[in-house]
C-alpha atoms as a PDB file:
ATOM      1  CA  MET A   1      29.300  47.013-101.085  1.00  0.00           C
ATOM      2  CA  LEU A   2      31.615  46.691 -98.151  1.00  0.00           C
ATOM      3  CA  PHE A   3      34.949  48.481 -98.066  1.00  0.00           C
ATOM      4  CA  ARG A   4      37.826  48.119 -95.635  1.00  0.00           C
ATOM      5  CA  GLN A   5      38.722  51.313 -93.756  1.00  0.00           C
ATOM      6  CA  ALA A   6      42.120  51.447 -95.495  1.00  0.00           C
ATOM      7  CA  ASP A   7      40.400  51.245 -98.891  1.00  0.00           C
ATOM      8  CA  LEU A   8      38.025  54.066 -97.951  1.00  0.00           C
ATOM      9  CA  ALA A   9      40.964  56.245 -96.926  1.00  0.00           C
ATOM     10  CA  ALA A  10      42.666  55.538-100.270  1.00  0.00           C
ATOM     11  CA  ILE A  11      39.441  56.353-102.142  1.00  0.00           C
ATOM     12  CA  ALA A  12      39.139  59.636-100.215  1.00  0.00           C
ATOM     13  CA  ALA A  13      42.739  60.486-101.147  1.00  0.00           C
ATOM     14  CA  GLY A  14      42.039  59.707-104.817  1.00  0.00           C
ATOM     15  CA  GLU A  15      44.576  56.872-104.784  1.00  0.00           C
ATOM     16  CA  VAL A  16      41.969  54.163-105.460  1.00  0.00           C
ATOM     17  CA  THR A  17      39.502  54.701-108.305  1.00  0.00           C
ATOM     18  CA  VAL A  18      38.521  51.103-109.091  1.00  0.00           C
ATOM     19  CA  ALA A  19      37.231  48.168-107.063  1.00  0.00           C
ATOM     20  CA  PHE A  20      36.711  44.557-108.067  1.00  0.00           C
ATOM     21  CA  ARG A  21      33.982  42.203-106.903  1.00  0.00           C
ATOM     22  CA  ARG A  22      32.814  38.690-107.812  1.00  0.00           C
ATOM     23  CA  TRP A  23      29.047  38.589-108.107  1.00  0.00           C
ATOM     24  CA  LYS A  24      26.437  36.273-109.563  1.00  0.00           C
ATOM     25  CA  ARG A  25      24.639  39.467-110.591  1.00  0.00           C
ATOM     26  CA  PRO A  26      25.749  43.095-110.245  1.00  0.00           C
ATOM     27  CA  MET A  27      25.191  44.434-106.734  1.00  0.00           C
ATOM     28  CA  ALA A  28      25.935  48.032-107.752  1.00  0.00           C
ATOM     29  CA  LYS A  29      24.953  50.022-110.795  1.00  0.00           C
ATOM     30  CA  ALA A  30      26.500  52.836-112.781  1.00  0.00           C
ATOM     31  CA  GLY A  31      25.170  56.112-111.450  1.00  0.00           C
ATOM     32  CA  GLY A  32      24.557  54.590-108.024  1.00  0.00           C
ATOM     33  CA  ARG A  33      25.743  56.041-104.737  1.00  0.00           C
ATOM     34  CA  GLN A  34      26.627  54.611-101.358  1.00  0.00           C
ATOM     35  CA  HIS A  35      26.958  56.290 -97.974  1.00  0.00           C
ATOM     36  CA  THR A  36      30.196  55.371 -96.193  1.00  0.00           C
ATOM     37  CA  PRO A  37      32.127  56.678 -93.190  1.00  0.00           C
ATOM     38  CA  ILE A  38      34.199  58.914 -95.518  1.00  0.00           C
ATOM     39  CA  GLY A  39      31.223  60.335 -97.399  1.00  0.00           C
ATOM     40  CA  VAL A  40      29.175  59.421-100.435  1.00  0.00           C
ATOM     41  CA  LEU A  41      30.778  57.172-103.049  1.00  0.00           C
ATOM     42  CA  ALA A  42      29.638  57.484-106.657  1.00  0.00           C
ATOM     43  CA  PHE A  43      29.777  54.458-108.943  1.00  0.00           C
ATOM     44  CA  ASP A  44      30.621  55.778-112.391  1.00  0.00           C
ATOM     45  CA  ALA A  45      30.756  52.410-114.155  1.00  0.00           C
ATOM     46  CA  VAL A  46      30.053  48.781-113.324  1.00  0.00           C
ATOM     47  CA  GLU A  47      31.364  46.388-115.963  1.00  0.00           C
ATOM     48  CA  ARG A  48      31.785  42.650-116.170  1.00  0.00           C
ATOM     49  CA  VAL A  49      35.400  41.934-117.117  1.00  0.00           C
ATOM     50  CA  ALA A  50      37.340  38.786-117.926  1.00  0.00           C
ATOM     51  CA  ASP A  51      40.498  39.641-116.009  1.00  0.00           C
ATOM     52  CA  ILE A  52      42.319  42.270-113.947  1.00  0.00           C
ATOM     53  CA  THR A  53      44.846  44.261-115.942  1.00  0.00           C
ATOM     54  CA  PRO A  54      48.059  45.586-114.370  1.00  0.00           C
ATOM     55  CA  ALA A  55      46.772  49.169-114.788  1.00  0.00           C
ATOM     56  CA  ASP A  56      43.438  48.329-113.143  1.00  0.00           C
ATOM     57  CA  ALA A  57      45.205  46.514-110.303  1.00  0.00           C
ATOM     58  CA  ARG A  58      47.189  49.693-109.576  1.00  0.00           C
ATOM     59  CA  ARG A  59      43.991  51.806-109.813  1.00  0.00           C
ATOM     60  CA  ALA A  60      42.497  49.435-107.212  1.00  0.00           C
ATOM     61  CA  GLY A  61      45.478  49.940-104.889  1.00  0.00           C
ATOM     62  CA  PHE A  62      47.338  46.710-105.610  1.00  0.00           C
ATOM     63  CA  PRO A  63      50.859  46.279-106.973  1.00  0.00           C
ATOM     64  CA  ASP A  64      49.773  43.711-109.563  1.00  0.00           C
ATOM     65  CA  PRO A  65      46.804  41.592-110.718  1.00  0.00           C
ATOM     66  CA  ALA A  66      47.824  38.618-108.537  1.00  0.00           C
ATOM     67  CA  ALA A  67      47.523  40.761-105.390  1.00  0.00           C
ATOM     68  CA  ALA A  68      44.104  42.036-106.504  1.00  0.00           C
ATOM     69  CA  TRP A  69      42.894  38.480-107.189  1.00  0.00           C
ATOM     70  CA  ALA A  70      44.178  37.373-103.765  1.00  0.00           C
ATOM     71  CA  MET A  71      41.873  39.904-102.052  1.00  0.00           C
ATOM     72  CA  LEU A  72      38.741  38.616-103.803  1.00  0.00           C
ATOM     73  CA  PRO A  73      36.751  36.013-101.917  1.00  0.00           C
ATOM     74  CA  ASN A  74      36.996  32.635-103.558  1.00  0.00           C
ATOM     75  CA  ARG A  75      33.379  32.182-104.672  1.00  0.00           C
ATOM     76  CA  ASP A  76      31.282  31.750-107.742  1.00  0.00           C
ATOM     77  CA  GLY A  77      30.306  34.656-109.886  1.00  0.00           C
ATOM     78  CA  ASP A  78      31.552  36.911-112.597  1.00  0.00           C
ATOM     79  CA  LEU A  79      34.293  39.473-112.105  1.00  0.00           C
ATOM     80  CA  TYR A  80      33.100  43.100-112.057  1.00  0.00           C
ATOM     81  CA  ARG A  81      35.183  46.270-112.230  1.00  0.00           C
ATOM     82  CA  ILE A  82      33.577  49.233-110.470  1.00  0.00           C
ATOM     83  CA  ALA A  83      34.849  52.724-111.273  1.00  0.00           C
ATOM     84  CA  LEU A  84      34.243  54.840-108.202  1.00  0.00           C
ATOM     85  CA  ARG A  85      35.037  58.164-106.593  1.00  0.00           C
ATOM     86  CA  LEU A  86      34.253  60.186-103.524  1.00  0.00           C
ATOM     87  CA  ALA A  87      31.291  62.343-104.561  1.00  0.00           C
ATOM     88  CA  GLY A  88      31.160  64.469-101.424  1.00  0.00           C
ATOM     89  CA  PRO A  89      30.333  64.487 -97.737  1.00  0.00           C
ATOM     90  CA  ASP A  90      27.514  62.407 -96.311  1.00  0.00           C
ATOM     91  CA  PRO A  91      24.532  64.803 -96.123  1.00  0.00           C
ATOM     92  CA  ARG A  92      23.148  62.831 -93.179  1.00  0.00           C
ATOM     93  CA  ILE A  93      25.977  64.172 -90.997  1.00  0.00           C
ATOM     94  CA  ALA A  94      24.923  67.794 -91.447  1.00  0.00           C
ATOM     95  CA  LEU A  95      21.282  66.795 -91.105  1.00  0.00           C
ATOM     96  CA  ARG A  96      21.788  64.958 -87.811  1.00  0.00           C
ATOM     97  CA  GLU A  97      23.637  67.959 -86.354  1.00  0.00           C
ATOM     98  CA  ASP A  98      20.770  70.330 -87.229  1.00  0.00           C
ATOM     99  CA  ALA A  99      18.852  70.521 -83.965  1.00  0.00           C
ATOM    100  CA  ALA A 100      17.132  73.844 -84.683  1.00  0.00           C
ATOM    101  CA  LEU A 101      13.790  72.319 -85.644  1.00  0.00           C
ATOM    102  CA  THR A 102      10.941  74.491 -86.793  1.00  0.00           C
ATOM    103  CA  GLU A 103       7.345  73.402 -86.374  1.00  0.00           C
ATOM    104  CA  ALA A 104       7.379  72.532 -90.076  1.00  0.00           C
ATOM    105  CA  ASP A 105      10.480  70.356 -89.522  1.00  0.00           C
ATOM    106  CA  ARG A 106       8.795  68.572 -86.614  1.00  0.00           C
ATOM    107  CA  ALA A 107       5.643  67.998 -88.659  1.00  0.00           C
ATOM    108  CA  ALA A 108       7.667  66.645 -91.595  1.00  0.00           C
ATOM    109  CA  ILE A 109       9.583  64.244 -89.340  1.00  0.00           C
ATOM    110  CA  ALA A 110       6.356  63.114 -87.643  1.00  0.00           C
ATOM    111  CA  ALA A 111       4.765  62.488 -91.044  1.00  0.00           C
ATOM    112  CA  ARG A 112       7.746  60.410 -92.219  1.00  0.00           C
ATOM    113  CA  LEU A 113       7.750  58.372 -89.005  1.00  0.00           C
ATOM    114  CA  ALA A 114       3.995  57.784 -89.288  1.00  0.00           C
ATOM    115  CA  ARG A 115       4.481  56.596 -92.873  1.00  0.00           C
ATOM    116  CA  LEU A 116       7.225  54.175 -91.747  1.00  0.00           C
ATOM    117  CA  ASP A 117       4.951  52.860 -88.998  1.00  0.00           C
ATOM    118  CA  ARG A 118       2.038  52.358 -91.424  1.00  0.00           C
ATOM    119  CA  ALA A 119       4.248  50.533 -93.929  1.00  0.00           C
ATOM    120  CA  SER A 120       5.693  48.200 -91.300  1.00  0.00           C
ATOM    121  CA  THR A 121       4.743  44.525 -91.283  1.00  0.00           C
ATOM    122  CA  HIS A 122       5.437  44.358 -87.538  1.00  0.00           C
ATOM    123  CA  GLY A 123       3.404  47.359 -86.436  1.00  0.00           C
ATOM    124  CA  PRO A 124       4.423  50.819 -85.238  1.00  0.00           C
ATOM    125  CA  TRP A 125       8.085  50.836 -84.255  1.00  0.00           C
ATOM    126  CA  THR A 126       9.644  54.260 -84.788  1.00  0.00           C
ATOM    127  CA  GLU A 127       8.938  55.977 -81.453  1.00  0.00           C
ATOM    128  CA  ALA A 128       9.754  52.901 -79.360  1.00  0.00           C
ATOM    129  CA  THR A 129      12.998  52.366 -81.274  1.00  0.00           C
ATOM    130  CA  LEU A 130      14.044  56.008 -80.903  1.00  0.00           C
ATOM    131  CA  ARG A 131      13.302  55.866 -77.167  1.00  0.00           C
ATOM    132  CA  ALA A 132      15.209  52.586 -76.731  1.00  0.00           C
ATOM    133  CA  ILE A 133      18.268  54.051 -78.453  1.00  0.00           C
ATOM    134  CA  ALA A 134      17.991  57.262 -76.427  1.00  0.00           C
ATOM    135  CA  ASP A 135      17.728  55.290 -73.182  1.00  0.00           C
ATOM    136  CA  ALA A 136      20.643  52.952 -73.936  1.00  0.00           C
ATOM    137  CA  PRO A 137      23.197  54.534 -76.290  1.00  0.00           C
ATOM    138  CA  GLY A 138      25.933  52.187 -77.430  1.00  0.00           C
ATOM    139  CA  THR A 139      23.834  49.057 -76.928  1.00  0.00           C
ATOM    140  CA  ARG A 140      24.490  46.328 -79.482  1.00  0.00           C
ATOM    141  CA  ALA A 141      21.895  46.090 -82.235  1.00  0.00           C
ATOM    142  CA  ALA A 142      21.317  42.420 -81.404  1.00  0.00           C
ATOM    143  CA  ASP A 143      20.462  43.319 -77.804  1.00  0.00           C
ATOM    144  CA  LEU A 144      18.119  46.135 -78.831  1.00  0.00           C
ATOM    145  CA  ALA A 145      16.445  43.879 -81.391  1.00  0.00           C
ATOM    146  CA  ALA A 146      15.993  41.122 -78.825  1.00  0.00           C
ATOM    147  CA  GLY A 147      14.262  43.608 -76.542  1.00  0.00           C
ATOM    148  CA  PHE A 148      11.636  44.039 -79.254  1.00  0.00           C
ATOM    149  CA  GLY A 149      11.524  40.337 -80.135  1.00  0.00           C
ATOM    150  CA  ARG A 150      12.947  41.123 -83.559  1.00  0.00           C
ATOM    151  CA  GLU A 151      15.676  39.696 -85.765  1.00  0.00           C
ATOM    152  CA  ARG A 152      18.896  41.739 -85.729  1.00  0.00           C
ATOM    153  CA  LEU A 153      19.234  42.415 -89.471  1.00  0.00           C
ATOM    154  CA  ALA A 154      15.630  43.546 -89.882  1.00  0.00           C
ATOM    155  CA  PHE A 155      16.004  45.776 -86.822  1.00  0.00           C
ATOM    156  CA  LYS A 156      19.193  47.306 -88.234  1.00  0.00           C
ATOM    157  CA  ALA A 157      17.411  48.008 -91.532  1.00  0.00           C
ATOM    158  CA  ASP A 158      14.773  49.948 -89.607  1.00  0.00           C
ATOM    159  CA  VAL A 159      17.392  51.931 -87.686  1.00  0.00           C
ATOM    160  CA  ARG A 160      19.022  52.878 -91.018  1.00  0.00           C
ATOM    161  CA  LYS A 161      15.681  54.484 -91.950  1.00  0.00           C
ATOM    162  CA  LEU A 162      15.900  56.612 -88.804  1.00  0.00           C
ATOM    163  CA  LYS A 163      19.514  57.430 -89.632  1.00  0.00           C
ATOM    164  CA  ALA A 164      18.472  58.613 -93.103  1.00  0.00           C
ATOM    165  CA  LEU A 165      16.149  61.105 -91.383  1.00  0.00           C
ATOM    166  CA  GLY A 166      19.065  62.381 -89.302  1.00  0.00           C
ATOM    167  CA  LEU A 167      17.589  61.091 -86.034  1.00  0.00           C
ATOM    168  CA  THR A 168      20.240  58.516 -85.075  1.00  0.00           C
ATOM    169  CA  GLU A 169      23.886  57.858 -85.695  1.00  0.00           C
ATOM    170  CA  SER A 170      25.900  54.677 -85.681  1.00  0.00           C
ATOM    171  CA  LEU A 171      28.647  54.088 -83.162  1.00  0.00           C
ATOM    172  CA  GLU A 172      31.440  51.522 -83.231  1.00  0.00           C
ATOM    173  CA  ILE A 173      28.990  49.405 -81.215  1.00  0.00           C
ATOM    174  CA  GLY A 174      25.320  50.316 -81.298  1.00  0.00           C
ATOM    175  CA  TYR A 175      23.712  53.682 -81.906  1.00  0.00           C
ATOM    176  CA  ARG A 176      22.892  56.959 -80.257  1.00  0.00           C
ATOM    177  CA  ILE A 177      20.295  59.630 -80.807  1.00  0.00           C
ATOM    178  CA  SER A 178      21.646  62.538 -82.830  1.00  0.00           C
ATOM    179  CA  PRO A 179      21.217  66.182 -81.795  1.00  0.00           C
ATOM    180  CA  ARG A 180      18.345  66.378 -84.318  1.00  0.00           C
ATOM    181  CA  GLY A 181      16.782  63.252 -82.822  1.00  0.00           C
ATOM    182  CA  ARG A 182      17.085  64.660 -79.290  1.00  0.00           C
ATOM    183  CA  ALA A 183      15.453  67.878 -80.443  1.00  0.00           C
ATOM    184  CA  TYR A 184      12.620  65.919 -82.069  1.00  0.00           C
ATOM    185  CA  LEU A 185      12.076  63.802 -78.950  1.00  0.00           C
ATOM    186  CA  GLY A 186      12.167  66.917 -76.799  1.00  0.00           C
ATOM    187  CA  ASP A 187      15.109  65.644 -74.715  1.00  0.00           C
END
């Protein structure tokens, strides 16, 4: 789920505890979590509803139901109310800052990268992608992907796998290697 920065700030402050979405099928589930710039969001409930009540509109950060409806894209699908909260900080942030790698850490990272390479339909990619990001921090994902002859969205999905290992971090535009990633690469 995408959230505007202002909505994330309101969620972090505890001012917004509900979100509404129109979906053909639920795109979040109760008990699910999502990493965001403010930390990890927890989805406590995902329910199909017929309408937006005044109380729910206020819980979603709107003065009334009409304002909440106005923010929903005009598309097909059922209306869902998602109860959410900030569950805590993003653990990937602490992980990416941890550059004190032991031999066991290095071996574990190498094993995960080898597994990603083996599972790939386009061949080994992890080392080349890490090196490309290290060599050109802040380069747009589309430009990096083009350098590998890959489609942007598939490339970005692969970089998210590296981010989950604490090896990269996203910038406003592009990526950079994290301290952990630099330590792994030996830079």
